[in-house]
N, C-alpha and C. Protein backbone atom coordinates (compact mmCIF):
# COMPACT_ATOMS: atom_id res chain seq x y z
N UNK A 1 120.10 127.88 85.17
CA UNK A 1 119.02 128.38 85.32
C UNK A 1 118.51 128.14 86.24
N UNK A 2 117.85 128.25 87.77
CA UNK A 2 116.83 127.48 88.02
C UNK A 2 114.94 128.39 88.11
N UNK A 3 114.49 127.26 88.24
CA UNK A 3 112.85 127.78 88.36
C UNK A 3 112.47 128.34 89.31
N UNK A 4 111.85 129.20 90.09
CA UNK A 4 111.33 130.09 91.01
C UNK A 4 110.00 129.68 90.83
N UNK A 5 109.71 128.88 91.25
CA UNK A 5 107.94 129.68 91.64
C UNK A 5 107.30 130.41 91.71
N UNK A 6 106.44 131.02 91.18
CA UNK A 6 105.79 132.20 92.08
C UNK A 6 104.53 131.98 92.51
N UNK A 7 104.56 132.81 93.94
CA UNK A 7 103.61 132.90 94.73
C UNK A 7 102.21 133.53 94.29
N UNK A 8 101.56 132.40 94.01
CA UNK A 8 99.92 133.42 93.74
C UNK A 8 98.92 133.42 94.69
N UNK A 9 98.52 134.45 94.86
CA UNK A 9 97.24 134.42 95.55
C UNK A 9 96.14 133.84 95.67
N UNK A 10 95.98 133.19 96.44
CA UNK A 10 94.28 132.98 96.19
C UNK A 10 93.41 133.86 96.84
N UNK A 11 92.39 133.71 96.19
CA UNK A 11 90.87 134.32 96.45
C UNK A 11 90.09 133.26 97.38
N UNK A 12 89.06 133.42 97.66
CA UNK A 12 87.87 132.70 98.21
C UNK A 12 86.86 133.01 97.60
N UNK A 13 86.68 132.14 96.36
CA UNK A 13 85.42 132.66 95.88
C UNK A 13 83.75 132.66 96.44
N UNK A 14 83.81 131.93 97.38
CA UNK A 14 82.29 132.09 98.06
C UNK A 14 82.75 133.55 98.48
N UNK A 15 83.21 133.77 99.67
CA UNK A 15 83.25 135.01 100.17
C UNK A 15 82.88 136.00 98.77
N UNK A 16 83.63 136.04 97.70
CA UNK A 16 82.90 136.79 96.39
C UNK A 16 81.87 136.79 96.10
N UNK A 17 81.59 136.26 96.04
CA UNK A 17 79.96 135.33 95.60
C UNK A 17 79.16 135.68 96.46
N UNK A 18 79.56 135.71 97.70
CA UNK A 18 78.68 136.20 99.04
C UNK A 18 78.54 137.80 99.30
N UNK A 19 79.78 138.44 99.12
CA UNK A 19 79.58 139.62 98.63
C UNK A 19 78.18 140.55 97.69
N UNK A 20 78.41 139.36 96.43
CA UNK A 20 77.64 139.82 95.25
C UNK A 20 76.37 139.73 95.81
N UNK A 21 76.00 138.70 96.86
CA UNK A 21 74.65 138.27 96.91
C UNK A 21 73.96 139.57 97.89
N UNK A 22 75.01 139.99 98.88
CA UNK A 22 75.07 141.73 99.79
C UNK A 22 73.92 142.52 98.86
N UNK A 23 74.68 143.20 97.60
CA UNK A 23 75.03 144.19 97.32
C UNK A 23 73.41 143.54 96.32
N UNK A 24 73.42 142.12 95.95
CA UNK A 24 71.55 142.20 95.02
C UNK A 24 71.04 141.89 95.98
N UNK A 25 70.32 141.44 97.29
CA UNK A 25 69.35 141.19 98.22
C UNK A 25 69.01 143.02 98.78
N UNK A 26 70.53 144.23 98.18
CA UNK A 26 70.44 145.59 99.44
C UNK A 26 69.29 146.29 98.08
N UNK A 27 70.17 146.00 96.74
CA UNK A 27 69.80 146.77 95.49
C UNK A 27 68.94 146.36 94.29
N UNK A 28 69.10 144.99 94.29
CA UNK A 28 68.11 144.69 92.77
C UNK A 28 66.29 145.38 93.11
N UNK A 29 66.12 145.83 91.47
CA UNK A 29 64.84 146.74 91.53
C UNK A 29 64.15 145.58 91.38
N UNK A 30 62.65 146.07 91.84
CA UNK A 30 61.57 144.81 91.47
C UNK A 30 61.61 144.31 90.14
N UNK A 31 62.02 145.01 89.11
CA UNK A 31 61.82 144.24 87.74
C UNK A 31 63.22 143.69 86.90
N UNK A 32 64.00 143.40 88.21
CA UNK A 32 65.20 142.51 87.66
C UNK A 32 64.99 141.67 86.81
N UNK A 33 64.65 140.56 86.22
CA UNK A 33 64.14 139.48 85.65
C UNK A 33 64.28 140.46 83.98
N UNK A 34 63.66 141.20 83.77
CA UNK A 34 63.75 142.12 82.41
C UNK A 34 64.91 142.39 82.42
N UNK A 35 65.59 143.67 82.97
CA UNK A 35 67.15 143.85 82.99
C UNK A 35 68.62 142.79 82.70
N UNK A 36 67.84 141.14 83.59
CA UNK A 36 69.09 140.02 83.75
C UNK A 36 68.84 139.99 82.38
N UNK A 37 67.47 139.24 81.72
CA UNK A 37 67.15 138.97 80.32
C UNK A 37 67.63 139.99 79.08
N UNK A 38 67.81 141.43 79.34
CA UNK A 38 68.77 142.07 78.66
C UNK A 38 70.38 142.08 79.00
N UNK A 39 70.51 141.50 79.44
CA UNK A 39 72.18 141.07 80.04
C UNK A 39 72.68 139.79 79.36
N UNK A 40 71.53 138.98 79.29
CA UNK A 40 71.50 137.70 79.24
C UNK A 40 70.74 137.26 78.22
N UNK A 41 70.39 137.20 76.70
CA UNK A 41 69.05 137.62 76.45
C UNK A 41 68.52 135.79 76.16
N UNK A 42 69.17 134.86 76.17
CA UNK A 42 69.00 133.62 76.26
C UNK A 42 68.43 132.81 77.54
N UNK A 43 68.01 133.86 78.58
CA UNK A 43 67.93 132.90 79.56
C UNK A 43 66.41 133.20 79.65
N UNK A 44 66.23 132.42 80.45
CA UNK A 44 64.72 132.83 80.78
C UNK A 44 64.14 133.13 82.20
N UNK A 45 63.01 134.27 82.14
CA UNK A 45 62.88 134.51 83.52
C UNK A 45 62.53 133.84 84.13
N UNK A 46 61.92 132.48 84.58
CA UNK A 46 61.65 131.57 85.87
C UNK A 46 62.83 131.31 86.42
N UNK A 47 63.71 130.86 84.88
CA UNK A 47 65.63 130.60 85.49
C UNK A 47 65.99 131.81 86.44
N UNK A 48 65.82 133.35 86.26
CA UNK A 48 66.27 134.08 86.72
C UNK A 48 65.61 134.41 88.08
N UNK A 49 64.71 133.94 88.48
CA UNK A 49 63.85 133.96 89.55
C UNK A 49 63.78 132.68 90.32
N UNK A 50 64.46 131.45 90.12
CA UNK A 50 64.79 130.75 90.86
C UNK A 50 66.54 130.57 91.20
N UNK A 51 66.90 131.03 90.65
CA UNK A 51 69.07 131.58 90.91
C UNK A 51 68.62 132.77 92.39
N UNK A 52 67.50 133.80 91.63
CA UNK A 52 67.73 134.52 93.12
C UNK A 52 67.43 133.95 94.55
N UNK A 53 65.65 133.52 94.32
CA UNK A 53 65.08 132.59 95.52
C UNK A 53 65.96 130.86 96.28
N UNK A 54 66.70 130.51 95.17
CA UNK A 54 67.94 129.65 95.67
C UNK A 54 69.12 130.12 96.19
N UNK A 55 69.64 131.11 95.70
CA UNK A 55 70.85 131.32 95.98
C UNK A 55 71.99 130.90 95.43
N UNK A 56 71.86 130.11 94.66
CA UNK A 56 72.40 129.46 93.39
C UNK A 56 72.45 129.14 92.43
N UNK A 57 73.11 129.02 91.62
CA UNK A 57 72.81 128.22 89.89
C UNK A 57 74.13 129.33 89.18
N UNK A 58 73.60 129.29 88.26
CA UNK A 58 74.40 130.05 87.00
C UNK A 58 75.48 130.90 87.72
N UNK A 59 76.57 130.96 87.39
CA UNK A 59 77.11 132.48 87.89
C UNK A 59 76.49 133.66 86.57
N UNK A 60 76.45 132.99 85.72
CA UNK A 60 76.77 134.19 84.43
C UNK A 60 75.54 134.68 85.04
N UNK A 61 73.81 134.41 85.74
CA UNK A 61 73.03 134.96 85.75
C UNK A 61 72.96 135.80 86.94
N UNK A 62 74.47 135.08 88.26
CA UNK A 62 74.80 135.90 89.53
C UNK A 62 75.53 136.68 88.87
N UNK A 63 75.76 136.97 88.25
CA UNK A 63 76.73 138.14 87.69
C UNK A 63 75.87 139.01 87.39
N UNK A 64 75.06 138.73 86.38
CA UNK A 64 74.50 139.93 85.79
C UNK A 64 73.05 140.47 86.56
N UNK A 65 72.48 139.52 87.67
CA UNK A 65 71.84 140.82 89.02
C UNK A 65 72.86 141.42 89.01
N UNK A 66 73.93 140.75 89.93
CA UNK A 66 75.06 141.90 90.72
C UNK A 66 75.00 143.31 89.55
N UNK A 67 75.44 142.97 88.72
CA UNK A 67 75.93 144.42 87.42
C UNK A 67 74.32 145.33 87.28
N UNK A 68 73.29 144.14 87.53
CA UNK A 68 72.10 145.45 87.26
C UNK A 68 71.91 146.08 89.03
N UNK A 69 71.82 145.22 90.09
CA UNK A 69 72.06 145.40 90.90
C UNK A 69 73.19 147.00 91.33
N UNK A 70 74.41 146.69 90.62
CA UNK A 70 75.08 147.88 90.83
C UNK A 70 75.13 149.10 90.50
N UNK A 71 74.41 149.19 89.03
CA UNK A 71 73.67 150.04 88.19
C UNK A 71 72.35 150.52 88.90
N UNK A 72 71.69 150.12 89.70
CA UNK A 72 70.36 150.84 90.81
C UNK A 72 71.55 151.34 91.70
N UNK A 73 72.02 150.87 92.31
CA UNK A 73 73.13 151.83 93.18
C UNK A 73 73.69 152.98 92.81
N UNK A 74 73.72 152.69 91.87
CA UNK A 74 74.69 154.30 91.08
C UNK A 74 73.39 154.79 90.93
N UNK A 75 72.00 154.77 90.98
CA UNK A 75 71.61 155.45 90.44
C UNK A 75 71.04 156.13 91.01
N UNK A 76 71.02 155.50 92.17
CA UNK A 76 70.47 156.00 93.73
C UNK A 76 71.02 156.80 94.65
N UNK A 77 72.46 156.61 94.48
CA UNK A 77 73.48 157.22 95.04
C UNK A 77 74.30 157.83 94.37
N UNK A 78 74.27 158.76 93.80
CA UNK A 78 75.28 159.65 92.63
C UNK A 78 76.19 159.96 93.44
């Protein structure tokens, strides 16, 4: 038997994160820090604000901001 290498499709993670930032920029509500802290309880509000301001940081915080933005988008566009 021969080993056949499976061709894996690669994902451009940077473009995925950029797409997340587009949604965050458009739909993240004003009270986003408290919403993100509900999703990630151990994070400080200042860390959440720094990630948004610098547009880089822990992916868990970016993902939580994205989730909050998607929830807001669903509320605004039923």
